[in-house]
Amino acid sequence: MGARVTIALDAGMHGRLLPHLLPVRGRYEEAAFVLARTERGGEGATFRAVELILLGPEWFEVRSPVYLELTDACRGMVIKRAHDLNASLIEFHSHPGSPRASFSWSDLSGFREFVPHVWWRLKGRPYAAVVVAPDSFDAVAWVDGPAAHVPVTELHVGDRGMRPTGYTINNWESIDDSGPI
């Protein structure tokens, strides 16, 4: 897909999401999911947020300043909720110590397993992922299939548009040397 891919959040949802992902004096990666209606058209695709799921410590198998892994129960819960709402999933997580937002090698490795699974469980609904650092964010999406990642071109919060760093898409092969997903 060469067209624009956007994520649209209302200001209230964004106002709850950002402090959860980057709490004051937070040391560990945090995570959340946004369930969204995905609109596709000639201009591209837009993920329109409809529900926010903030994840507490009980939903992590492992969590550290540089890595997190969700429990099987958490993955099942968010997929079921998205299925029940006929919605797409957008994963959000933080890299609190990073000067520039970019997905890590372990993030890309996780996508290789999780994106095809979600794509299958949600009957071909698109998936997106956003990583936030204190001063920036980066985002990718799978709109046309689980093997074709594309850049998210903009995050809309209310009337304000923000652009991701683009670092992950521009450096995918050097971040993940194990081949395409």
Protein backbone atom coordinates (compact mmCIF):
# COMPACT_ATOMS: atom_id res chain seq x y z
CA MET A 1 0.00 0.00 0.00
CA GLY A 2 1.58 3.25 -1.12
CA ALA A 3 -1.18 5.41 0.29
CA ARG A 4 -1.50 7.12 3.65
CA VAL A 5 -2.12 5.15 6.83
CA THR A 6 -3.35 7.18 9.78
CA ILE A 7 -4.38 6.49 13.35
CA ALA A 8 -7.04 8.77 14.85
CA LEU A 9 -7.52 9.13 18.63
CA ASP A 10 -9.75 11.56 20.45
CA ALA A 11 -8.01 13.94 22.85
CA GLY A 12 -9.49 12.27 25.95
CA MET A 13 -8.20 8.83 24.97
CA HIS A 14 -4.76 10.25 24.16
CA GLY A 15 -4.82 12.08 27.49
CA ARG A 16 -5.22 8.74 29.32
CA LEU A 17 -2.87 6.78 27.06
CA LEU A 18 0.29 8.90 27.15
CA PRO A 19 0.64 9.17 30.96
CA HIS A 20 0.04 5.41 31.21
CA LEU A 21 2.81 4.65 28.72
CA LEU A 22 5.27 7.22 30.09
CA PRO A 23 4.49 7.73 33.77
CA VAL A 24 6.50 10.24 35.78
CA ARG A 25 9.56 8.41 37.11
CA GLY A 26 8.49 5.29 35.19
CA ARG A 27 11.31 2.80 34.69
CA TYR A 28 9.65 -0.06 32.83
CA GLU A 29 8.12 -0.46 29.42
CA GLU A 30 4.35 -0.07 29.59
CA ALA A 31 1.69 -1.23 27.13
CA ALA A 32 -1.87 -0.64 26.01
CA PHE A 33 -4.15 -1.61 23.15
CA VAL A 34 -6.51 0.57 21.18
CA LEU A 35 -9.40 -1.10 19.40
CA ALA A 36 -10.26 0.69 16.19
CA ARG A 37 -12.59 0.73 13.24
CA THR A 38 -10.51 0.61 10.08
CA GLU A 39 -11.68 2.58 7.09
CA ARG A 40 -10.07 1.76 3.75
CA GLY A 41 -10.32 3.90 0.65
CA GLY A 42 -8.43 5.20 -2.35
CA GLU A 43 -6.43 7.51 -0.11
CA GLY A 44 -5.28 4.67 2.18
CA ALA A 45 -6.50 3.46 5.54
CA THR A 46 -7.51 5.11 8.79
CA PHE A 47 -7.66 3.37 12.16
CA ARG A 48 -10.35 5.23 14.21
CA ALA A 49 -10.05 4.46 17.90
CA VAL A 50 -13.17 3.22 19.69
CA GLU A 51 -11.82 1.72 22.92
CA LEU A 52 -8.69 1.85 25.05
CA ILE A 53 -7.29 -1.02 27.15
CA LEU A 54 -4.55 0.07 29.56
CA LEU A 55 -2.50 -2.92 30.74
CA GLY A 56 -1.56 -3.24 34.39
CA PRO A 57 1.37 -5.28 35.79
CA GLU A 58 -0.73 -8.45 36.04
CA TRP A 59 -0.89 -8.69 32.23
CA PHE A 60 2.89 -9.04 31.76
CA GLU A 61 4.82 -12.29 31.75
CA VAL A 62 8.05 -10.25 31.77
CA ARG A 63 8.56 -6.50 32.04
CA SER A 64 11.79 -4.52 32.31
CA PRO A 65 13.19 -1.14 31.23
CA VAL A 66 14.00 -2.62 27.79
CA TYR A 67 11.61 -5.53 27.21
CA LEU A 68 8.08 -6.71 27.85
CA GLU A 69 6.16 -9.85 27.12
CA LEU A 70 2.41 -10.20 27.55
CA THR A 71 0.76 -13.17 29.23
CA ASP A 72 -1.20 -15.58 27.06
CA ALA A 73 -4.32 -14.50 28.97
CA CYS A 74 -3.67 -10.87 28.00
CA ARG A 75 -3.22 -11.67 24.33
CA GLY A 76 -6.40 -13.75 24.39
CA MET A 77 -8.36 -11.03 26.19
CA VAL A 78 -7.46 -8.24 23.73
CA ILE A 79 -8.03 -10.42 20.68
CA LYS A 80 -11.44 -11.54 22.01
CA ARG A 81 -12.45 -7.96 22.79
CA ALA A 82 -11.44 -6.84 19.28
CA HIS A 83 -13.33 -9.80 17.80
CA ASP A 84 -16.45 -8.96 19.84
CA LEU A 85 -16.34 -5.34 18.62
CA ASN A 86 -15.45 -6.31 15.03
CA ALA A 87 -12.42 -4.05 15.48
CA SER A 88 -8.77 -3.90 14.51
CA LEU A 89 -6.03 -3.84 17.15
CA ILE A 90 -3.40 -1.17 17.65
CA GLU A 91 -0.61 -2.10 20.05
CA PHE A 92 1.03 0.74 21.96
CA HIS A 93 4.12 0.31 24.11
CA SER A 94 6.84 2.54 25.48
CA HIS A 95 10.60 2.73 25.35
CA PRO A 96 11.06 5.10 28.32
CA GLY A 97 14.86 5.34 28.07
CA SER A 98 15.12 5.88 24.31
CA PRO A 99 16.10 9.26 22.91
CA ARG A 100 14.30 8.49 19.60
CA ALA A 101 11.33 6.18 19.13
CA SER A 102 12.01 3.05 17.11
CA PHE A 103 10.94 -0.55 17.41
CA SER A 104 13.66 -2.87 18.70
CA TRP A 105 14.91 -6.16 17.33
CA SER A 106 12.78 -8.02 19.90
CA ASP A 107 9.71 -5.98 18.84
CA LEU A 108 10.18 -6.95 15.19
CA SER A 109 10.75 -10.56 16.21
CA GLY A 110 7.49 -10.49 18.18
CA PHE A 111 5.62 -9.08 15.17
CA ARG A 112 6.74 -12.09 13.12
CA GLU A 113 4.71 -14.35 15.42
CA PHE A 114 1.91 -12.11 16.69
CA VAL A 115 0.78 -10.26 13.54
CA PRO A 116 -0.11 -13.40 11.51
CA HIS A 117 -1.89 -14.84 14.55
CA VAL A 118 -3.97 -11.68 15.09
CA TRP A 119 -4.62 -11.36 11.37
CA TRP A 120 -6.00 -14.93 11.35
CA ARG A 121 -8.00 -14.60 14.60
CA LEU A 122 -9.55 -11.28 13.54
CA LYS A 123 -10.42 -12.55 10.06
CA GLY A 124 -8.12 -10.27 8.08
CA ARG A 125 -8.57 -7.04 10.00
CA PRO A 126 -5.55 -4.72 9.87
CA TYR A 127 -3.10 -4.42 12.77
CA ALA A 128 -0.91 -1.49 13.78
CA ALA A 129 1.79 -0.93 16.36
CA VAL A 130 3.06 2.28 17.95
CA VAL A 131 6.12 2.72 20.15
CA VAL A 132 6.52 5.90 22.17
CA ALA A 133 9.64 7.45 23.66
CA PRO A 134 9.67 10.59 25.83
CA ASP A 135 10.04 12.94 22.84
CA SER A 136 8.79 10.97 19.81
CA PHE A 137 6.89 7.97 18.48
CA ASP A 138 7.15 5.53 15.60
CA ALA A 139 4.45 3.39 14.01
CA VAL A 140 3.92 0.63 11.47
CA ALA A 141 0.82 -1.15 10.17
CA TRP A 142 -0.23 -4.30 8.39
CA VAL A 143 -3.18 -3.24 6.21
CA ASP A 144 -3.07 -5.61 3.23
CA GLY A 145 -1.83 -8.76 4.94
CA PRO A 146 0.35 -10.06 7.76
CA ALA A 147 3.47 -10.15 5.57
CA ALA A 148 3.32 -6.56 4.31
CA HIS A 149 4.25 -3.89 6.85
CA VAL A 150 3.82 -0.25 5.85
CA PRO A 151 4.56 3.03 7.59
CA VAL A 152 1.90 4.85 9.54
CA THR A 153 2.10 8.33 8.08
CA GLU A 154 0.29 10.29 10.78
CA LEU A 155 -1.28 10.08 14.22
CA HIS A 156 -4.27 12.41 14.63
CA VAL A 157 -5.21 13.52 18.13
CA GLY A 158 -8.33 15.60 17.78
CA ASP A 159 -7.44 18.18 15.11
CA ARG A 160 -3.68 17.84 15.59
CA GLY A 161 -1.59 15.69 13.25
CA MET A 162 1.74 14.25 14.39
CA ARG A 163 4.31 12.39 12.30
CA PRO A 164 6.22 9.30 13.45
CA THR A 165 10.00 9.20 13.30
CA GLY A 166 9.93 6.69 10.42
CA TYR A 167 13.13 5.21 11.79
CA THR A 168 11.86 1.62 11.92
CA ILE A 169 10.58 1.48 8.34
CA ASN A 170 13.72 3.18 7.02
CA ASN A 171 16.01 0.81 8.94
CA TRP A 172 13.96 -2.41 9.08
CA GLU A 173 16.65 -4.69 7.62
CA SER A 174 19.40 -3.38 9.89
CA ILE A 175 17.15 -3.73 12.96
CA ASP A 176 15.87 -7.17 11.97
CA ASP A 177 18.34 -9.24 9.99
CA SER A 178 16.19 -12.39 9.97
CA GLY A 179 14.14 -11.56 6.87
CA PRO A 180 10.70 -10.19 6.08
CA ILE A 181 7.59 -10.95 8.07
